[in-house]
């Protein structure tokens, strides 16, 4: 789904900047990126104080409590704001010691992210656009392939969420893109153009406002592990792989995604550009069932899949409404 243009709609009227839960998530993010992620354990109970500081509190007043291997919403969180914390806490807690890589695709009921001509305005709705902006505001870097830039000319900023813009990372191994796209010209965020070393011209270090990052490629594709290593060296430990289908599939196939988010719209396209594209399996038993939670976003449904744990029988039975 493209997010370079967003229609005006009441569905996006809920601003994450006005939410106490969102302010809490930004405070958690800031602590984690400083290498001072909130300590957690069975006795952990935290709330947000003035100055975006996380402070210990009585357990019954806690917005964050220690859970299995991390933090989870506490008893003081209003029911309406609990899904926000459930969905975004794993991303906000990313750090050098515990980096997080999330892939996201928005698709139709029949599995397409665009028509055959590349039209994706709009597969998923405005609520999912807000979600994309929230993810950008919580992540350190957003990654897209060259095809996404060619088709949508997106800005890849966090315009609809209170928080910083991520570093924009464009994968263009063969250097197909010119400098006239918005990510290379608008100066809204630091931008990296990643290309194969064979296409890095000696003495040329920039394309527009973007710095050129040469990396090795295999069969015309940048190796995800090499890219993540380069981003981690730059202090970018929460990475959001936003599209398109081939790029997210490459990261999934490489086994480097910690979470996979698939937003499904009540839409039938019939034929077009598919979402996840992996090698075929002969039997259902050879396929991967994912641990997941389900969140309602306007008319769409988001599957938030945890690729680092096995599925449980009751995963995702009760959808939580985020927007």
Protein backbone atom coordinates (compact mmCIF):
# COMPACT_ATOMS: atom_id res chain seq x y z
CA UNK A 1 0.00 0.00 0.00
CA UNK A 2 1.23 3.44 -0.80
CA UNK A 3 1.32 6.10 1.88
CA UNK A 4 2.63 9.02 -0.13
CA UNK A 5 -0.87 10.53 -0.20
CA UNK A 6 -3.50 10.25 2.52
CA UNK A 7 -7.13 11.24 1.99
CA UNK A 8 -8.91 13.35 4.59
CA UNK A 9 -11.14 11.14 6.72
CA UNK A 10 -12.59 10.96 10.20
CA UNK A 11 -10.89 7.56 10.65
CA UNK A 12 -7.54 9.30 11.17
CA UNK A 13 -8.85 11.88 13.61
CA UNK A 14 -7.38 10.00 16.60
CA UNK A 15 -3.92 11.52 16.90
CA UNK A 16 -1.25 9.33 18.50
CA UNK A 17 0.33 12.54 19.80
CA UNK A 18 -2.71 13.12 22.02
CA UNK A 19 -2.51 9.65 23.54
CA UNK A 20 -0.85 9.01 26.91
CA UNK A 21 -0.05 5.51 25.69
CA UNK A 22 1.74 6.96 22.66
CA UNK A 23 3.75 9.33 24.86
CA UNK A 24 4.68 6.32 27.00
CA UNK A 25 5.85 4.41 23.92
CA UNK A 26 8.03 7.33 22.84
CA UNK A 27 9.56 7.45 26.34
CA UNK A 28 10.29 3.72 26.20
CA UNK A 29 11.85 4.19 22.76
CA UNK A 30 14.06 7.04 23.98
CA UNK A 31 15.26 5.03 26.99
CA UNK A 32 15.99 1.96 24.86
CA UNK A 33 17.93 3.87 22.20
CA UNK A 34 20.12 5.40 24.91
CA UNK A 35 21.01 1.92 26.04
CA UNK A 36 18.93 2.40 29.18
CA UNK A 37 15.93 0.23 28.39
CA UNK A 38 13.57 -0.04 31.36
CA UNK A 39 14.51 -2.92 33.62
CA UNK A 40 11.87 -5.60 33.72
CA UNK A 41 11.04 -8.50 35.95
CA UNK A 42 8.16 -9.80 38.00
CA UNK A 43 8.33 -6.78 40.34
CA UNK A 44 8.58 -4.09 37.63
CA UNK A 45 5.90 -1.39 37.79
CA UNK A 46 6.37 1.86 35.84
CA UNK A 47 4.44 4.97 34.88
CA UNK A 48 5.20 8.08 32.82
CA UNK A 49 6.19 11.21 34.75
CA UNK A 50 6.67 14.76 33.52
CA UNK A 51 9.60 15.19 31.19
CA UNK A 52 8.90 11.84 29.52
CA UNK A 53 10.60 9.98 32.36
CA UNK A 54 9.69 6.43 33.34
CA UNK A 55 9.48 6.13 37.11
CA UNK A 56 8.68 3.23 39.51
CA UNK A 57 5.19 3.26 40.99
CA UNK A 58 2.70 1.17 42.91
CA UNK A 59 1.67 -1.89 40.89
CA UNK A 60 -1.98 -0.83 40.74
CA UNK A 61 -0.95 2.52 39.18
CA UNK A 62 1.42 0.99 36.63
CA UNK A 63 1.14 1.51 32.88
CA UNK A 64 3.99 -0.96 32.34
CA UNK A 65 4.69 -4.13 34.28
CA UNK A 66 7.25 -6.90 33.94
CA UNK A 67 6.11 -9.82 31.81
CA UNK A 68 7.58 -12.95 30.27
CA UNK A 69 10.82 -11.73 28.79
CA UNK A 70 9.82 -8.07 28.59
CA UNK A 71 7.28 -5.41 29.46
CA UNK A 72 3.53 -5.47 29.00
CA UNK A 73 0.61 -3.09 29.67
CA UNK A 74 -0.15 -2.64 33.36
CA UNK A 75 -3.47 -2.48 35.24
CA UNK A 76 -3.76 1.33 35.03
CA UNK A 77 -3.92 1.37 31.22
CA UNK A 78 -7.46 2.24 30.02
CA UNK A 79 -8.99 -0.51 27.86
CA UNK A 80 -9.10 1.81 24.84
CA UNK A 81 -5.34 2.40 24.96
CA UNK A 82 -4.20 -1.13 25.81
CA UNK A 83 -4.07 -2.37 22.16
CA UNK A 84 -1.73 0.52 21.29
CA UNK A 85 0.79 -0.69 23.85
CA UNK A 86 0.32 -4.35 22.96
CA UNK A 87 1.06 -3.69 19.30
CA UNK A 88 3.94 -1.24 19.54
CA UNK A 89 5.88 -2.13 22.72
CA UNK A 90 8.07 -4.78 20.99
CA UNK A 91 9.25 -2.10 18.54
CA UNK A 92 9.72 0.66 21.12
CA UNK A 93 11.96 -1.63 23.19
CA UNK A 94 14.46 -2.23 20.36
CA UNK A 95 18.07 -1.56 21.34
CA UNK A 96 21.63 -2.42 20.36
CA UNK A 97 21.41 -5.45 22.64
CA UNK A 98 18.02 -6.52 21.25
CA UNK A 99 17.49 -5.19 17.70
CA UNK A 100 14.11 -5.62 16.00
CA UNK A 101 13.28 -6.03 12.30
CA UNK A 102 9.63 -5.75 11.23
CA UNK A 103 8.22 -6.38 7.76
CA UNK A 104 4.84 -4.98 6.68
CA UNK A 105 2.55 -5.43 3.69
CA UNK A 106 -0.97 -4.18 3.01
CA UNK A 107 -2.92 -6.51 0.73
CA UNK A 108 -6.33 -7.48 -0.58
CA UNK A 109 -8.31 -10.53 0.55
CA UNK A 110 -6.94 -12.42 -2.43
CA UNK A 111 -3.32 -11.61 -1.60
CA UNK A 112 -2.39 -8.72 -3.90
CA UNK A 113 -0.64 -5.49 -2.88
CA UNK A 114 -1.40 -3.67 -6.15
CA UNK A 115 -3.02 -4.11 -9.55
CA UNK A 116 -1.00 -5.37 -12.48
CA UNK A 117 -0.17 -1.76 -13.41
CA UNK A 118 1.16 -1.07 -9.91
CA UNK A 119 -1.81 0.98 -8.68
CA UNK A 120 -2.03 0.67 -4.88
CA UNK A 121 -4.16 3.76 -4.01
CA UNK A 122 -5.63 2.46 -1.74
CA UNK A 123 -5.48 -1.25 -1.03
CA UNK A 124 -5.74 -0.71 2.71
CA UNK A 125 -7.45 2.24 4.31
CA UNK A 126 -6.53 5.43 6.19
CA UNK A 127 -6.23 3.69 9.57
CA UNK A 128 -3.44 1.50 8.24
CA UNK A 129 -1.70 4.61 6.88
CA UNK A 130 -1.65 5.99 10.43
CA UNK A 131 -0.18 2.66 11.57
CA UNK A 132 2.62 2.97 8.99
CA UNK A 133 3.45 6.44 10.25
CA UNK A 134 3.47 5.21 13.84
CA UNK A 135 5.85 2.41 12.90
CA UNK A 136 8.15 4.90 11.19
CA UNK A 137 8.09 7.14 14.27
CA UNK A 138 9.11 4.22 16.50
CA UNK A 139 11.73 2.75 14.18
CA UNK A 140 15.22 4.01 13.44
CA UNK A 141 15.14 3.13 9.73
CA UNK A 142 12.50 2.39 7.10
CA UNK A 143 13.52 0.18 4.15
CA UNK A 144 11.89 0.03 0.72
CA UNK A 145 12.88 -1.33 -2.66
CA UNK A 146 13.46 0.72 -5.79
CA UNK A 147 10.13 -0.44 -7.26
CA UNK A 148 8.25 1.24 -4.40
CA UNK A 149 10.01 4.52 -5.16
CA UNK A 150 9.37 4.18 -8.90
CA UNK A 151 5.68 3.39 -8.43
CA UNK A 152 4.63 5.55 -5.47
CA UNK A 153 7.31 8.24 -4.97
CA UNK A 154 6.62 8.09 -1.19
CA UNK A 155 8.00 10.45 1.45
CA UNK A 156 8.49 7.74 4.13
CA UNK A 157 8.18 10.22 6.99
CA UNK A 158 6.17 10.11 10.23
CA UNK A 159 3.86 12.99 9.32
CA UNK A 160 0.80 11.49 11.02
CA UNK A 161 2.45 10.39 14.25
CA UNK A 162 4.22 12.37 16.95
CA UNK A 163 7.84 11.29 16.82
CA UNK A 164 11.03 11.49 14.77
CA UNK A 165 11.36 10.61 11.11
CA UNK A 166 13.34 7.42 10.48
CA UNK A 167 16.41 7.16 8.30
CA UNK A 168 15.08 6.30 4.83
CA UNK A 169 16.85 3.36 3.19
CA UNK A 170 16.25 2.71 -0.52
CA UNK A 171 17.48 -0.58 -2.02
CA UNK A 172 18.52 0.02 -5.63
CA UNK A 173 21.24 -2.53 -6.45
CA UNK A 174 21.45 -1.59 -10.14
CA UNK A 175 21.14 2.20 -9.65
CA UNK A 176 17.94 2.54 -11.66
CA UNK A 177 16.69 5.61 -9.80
CA UNK A 178 17.37 9.22 -10.67
CA UNK A 179 17.67 12.04 -8.16
CA UNK A 180 14.24 13.56 -8.84
CA UNK A 181 12.23 11.46 -6.34
CA UNK A 182 11.06 13.06 -3.12
CA UNK A 183 13.16 10.95 -0.76
CA UNK A 184 16.28 12.25 -2.51
CA UNK A 185 15.17 15.89 -2.67
CA UNK A 186 12.91 16.94 0.22
CA UNK A 187 15.55 16.97 2.99
CA UNK A 188 12.97 15.73 5.52
CA UNK A 189 15.12 12.89 6.85
CA UNK A 190 18.53 11.30 6.44
CA UNK A 191 18.43 9.02 3.40
CA UNK A 192 20.64 6.15 2.22
CA UNK A 193 20.70 4.76 -1.31
CA UNK A 194 21.99 1.18 -1.14
CA UNK A 195 23.47 -0.18 -4.35
CA UNK A 196 25.75 -2.98 -5.49
CA UNK A 197 29.42 -2.10 -5.18
CA UNK A 198 29.79 -2.58 -8.93
CA UNK A 199 27.39 0.35 -9.47
CA UNK A 200 29.05 2.73 -7.02
CA UNK A 201 30.88 5.32 -9.09
CA UNK A 202 34.27 6.32 -7.77
CA UNK A 203 34.17 9.75 -6.18
CA UNK A 204 30.35 9.94 -6.28
CA UNK A 205 29.06 9.78 -2.72
CA UNK A 206 25.53 11.17 -3.03
CA UNK A 207 22.39 11.06 -5.13
CA UNK A 208 20.59 14.31 -4.41
CA UNK A 209 20.45 14.51 -0.62
CA UNK A 210 20.96 10.76 -0.18
CA UNK A 211 24.27 9.20 0.80
CA UNK A 212 25.29 6.20 -1.34
CA UNK A 213 25.97 2.99 0.60
CA UNK A 214 27.67 0.32 -1.55
CA UNK A 215 27.12 -3.28 -0.48
CA UNK A 216 27.59 -6.65 -2.18
CA UNK A 217 24.58 -8.18 -3.93
CA UNK A 218 23.67 -11.72 -4.94
CA UNK A 219 21.69 -12.26 -8.15
CA UNK A 220 20.88 -8.56 -8.22
CA UNK A 221 19.63 -8.38 -4.62
CA UNK A 222 21.25 -6.83 -1.58
CA UNK A 223 21.84 -9.47 1.10
CA UNK A 224 19.57 -8.56 4.06
CA UNK A 225 22.13 -9.58 6.69
CA UNK A 226 24.76 -7.32 5.12
CA UNK A 227 22.31 -4.43 5.09
CA UNK A 228 21.28 -4.95 8.71
CA UNK A 229 24.92 -5.13 9.80
CA UNK A 230 25.58 -1.80 8.06
CA UNK A 231 22.52 -0.21 9.67
CA UNK A 232 23.44 -1.51 13.11
CA UNK A 233 26.91 0.03 12.72
CA UNK A 234 25.11 3.35 12.27
CA UNK A 235 23.14 2.86 15.49
CA UNK A 236 19.91 1.91 13.69
CA UNK A 237 18.51 -1.01 15.67
CA UNK A 238 14.76 -0.88 14.94
CA UNK A 239 14.30 -1.50 11.21
CA UNK A 240 10.95 -1.32 9.42
CA UNK A 241 10.84 -3.10 6.04
CA UNK A 242 7.82 -1.39 4.49
CA UNK A 243 7.77 -2.78 0.98
CA UNK A 244 7.23 -3.86 -1.57
CA UNK A 245 6.34 -7.51 -1.79
CA UNK A 246 9.68 -8.71 -3.19
CA UNK A 247 11.68 -6.77 -0.60
CA UNK A 248 9.66 -8.04 2.37
CA UNK A 249 9.76 -11.58 0.94
CA UNK A 250 13.55 -11.41 0.61
CA UNK A 251 13.91 -10.43 4.27
CA UNK A 252 11.44 -13.12 5.33
CA UNK A 253 13.20 -15.80 3.27
CA UNK A 254 16.56 -14.76 4.76
CA UNK A 255 15.19 -15.39 8.27
CA UNK A 256 16.03 -11.91 9.56
CA UNK A 257 12.51 -10.66 10.35
CA UNK A 258 11.47 -10.70 14.00
CA UNK A 259 7.90 -9.70 13.22
CA UNK A 260 5.74 -9.75 10.09
CA UNK A 261 2.68 -7.51 9.84
CA UNK A 262 0.09 -8.19 7.15
CA UNK A 263 -2.82 -5.74 6.87
CA UNK A 264 -5.74 -7.26 4.97
CA UNK A 265 -8.41 -5.12 3.36
CA UNK A 266 -11.93 -6.28 2.39
CA UNK A 267 -11.05 -5.91 -1.29
CA UNK A 268 -10.84 -8.30 -4.24
CA UNK A 269 -8.33 -7.33 -6.94
CA UNK A 270 -8.48 -10.51 -9.02
CA UNK A 271 -4.95 -10.34 -10.40
CA UNK A 272 -1.96 -8.11 -9.81
CA UNK A 273 1.22 -7.85 -7.79
CA UNK A 274 1.36 -10.51 -5.08
CA UNK A 275 2.40 -9.93 -1.48
CA UNK A 276 4.60 -12.61 0.09
CA UNK A 277 6.47 -14.59 -2.56
CA UNK A 278 8.39 -17.65 -1.34
CA UNK A 279 9.31 -20.99 -2.81
CA UNK A 280 6.48 -23.54 -3.20
CA UNK A 281 5.69 -26.26 -0.65
CA UNK A 282 4.22 -29.65 -1.53
CA UNK A 283 2.35 -30.25 1.72
CA UNK A 284 0.54 -28.07 4.25
CA UNK A 285 2.62 -29.75 6.97
CA UNK A 286 5.73 -28.20 5.41
CA UNK A 287 4.27 -24.70 5.64
CA UNK A 288 4.84 -22.30 8.54
CA UNK A 289 2.08 -21.42 10.99
CA UNK A 290 2.83 -18.21 12.84
CA UNK A 291 2.28 -16.98 16.37
CA UNK A 292 0.14 -13.90 15.92
CA UNK A 293 -2.23 -11.32 17.34
CA UNK A 294 -5.06 -9.64 15.45
CA UNK A 295 -5.80 -5.91 15.50
CA UNK A 296 -8.73 -4.11 13.88
CA UNK A 297 -7.76 -0.96 11.94
CA UNK A 298 -10.78 0.76 10.52
CA UNK A 299 -12.19 -1.67 7.98
CA UNK A 300 -8.90 -3.57 7.76
CA UNK A 301 -7.45 -6.34 9.92
CA UNK A 302 -3.78 -6.44 10.89
CA UNK A 303 -2.05 -9.74 11.63
CA UNK A 304 0.98 -9.02 13.83
CA UNK A 305 3.10 -12.17 13.65
CA UNK A 306 5.93 -12.99 16.06
CA UNK A 307 8.43 -15.02 14.04
CA UNK A 308 10.58 -15.80 17.08
CA UNK A 309 8.11 -17.95 18.99
CA UNK A 310 5.90 -20.94 18.16
CA UNK A 311 2.17 -20.42 17.74
CA UNK A 312 -0.23 -21.14 20.60
CA UNK A 313 -3.70 -22.60 20.22
CA UNK A 314 -5.38 -19.37 21.33
CA UNK A 315 -3.24 -16.89 19.37
CA UNK A 316 -5.22 -14.04 17.87
CA UNK A 317 -8.69 -15.21 18.87
CA UNK A 318 -9.83 -11.77 20.09
CA UNK A 319 -9.14 -8.85 17.72
CA UNK A 320 -8.07 -5.63 19.45
CA UNK A 321 -9.13 -2.33 17.91
CA UNK A 322 -6.20 0.09 17.50
CA UNK A 323 -8.00 2.71 15.41
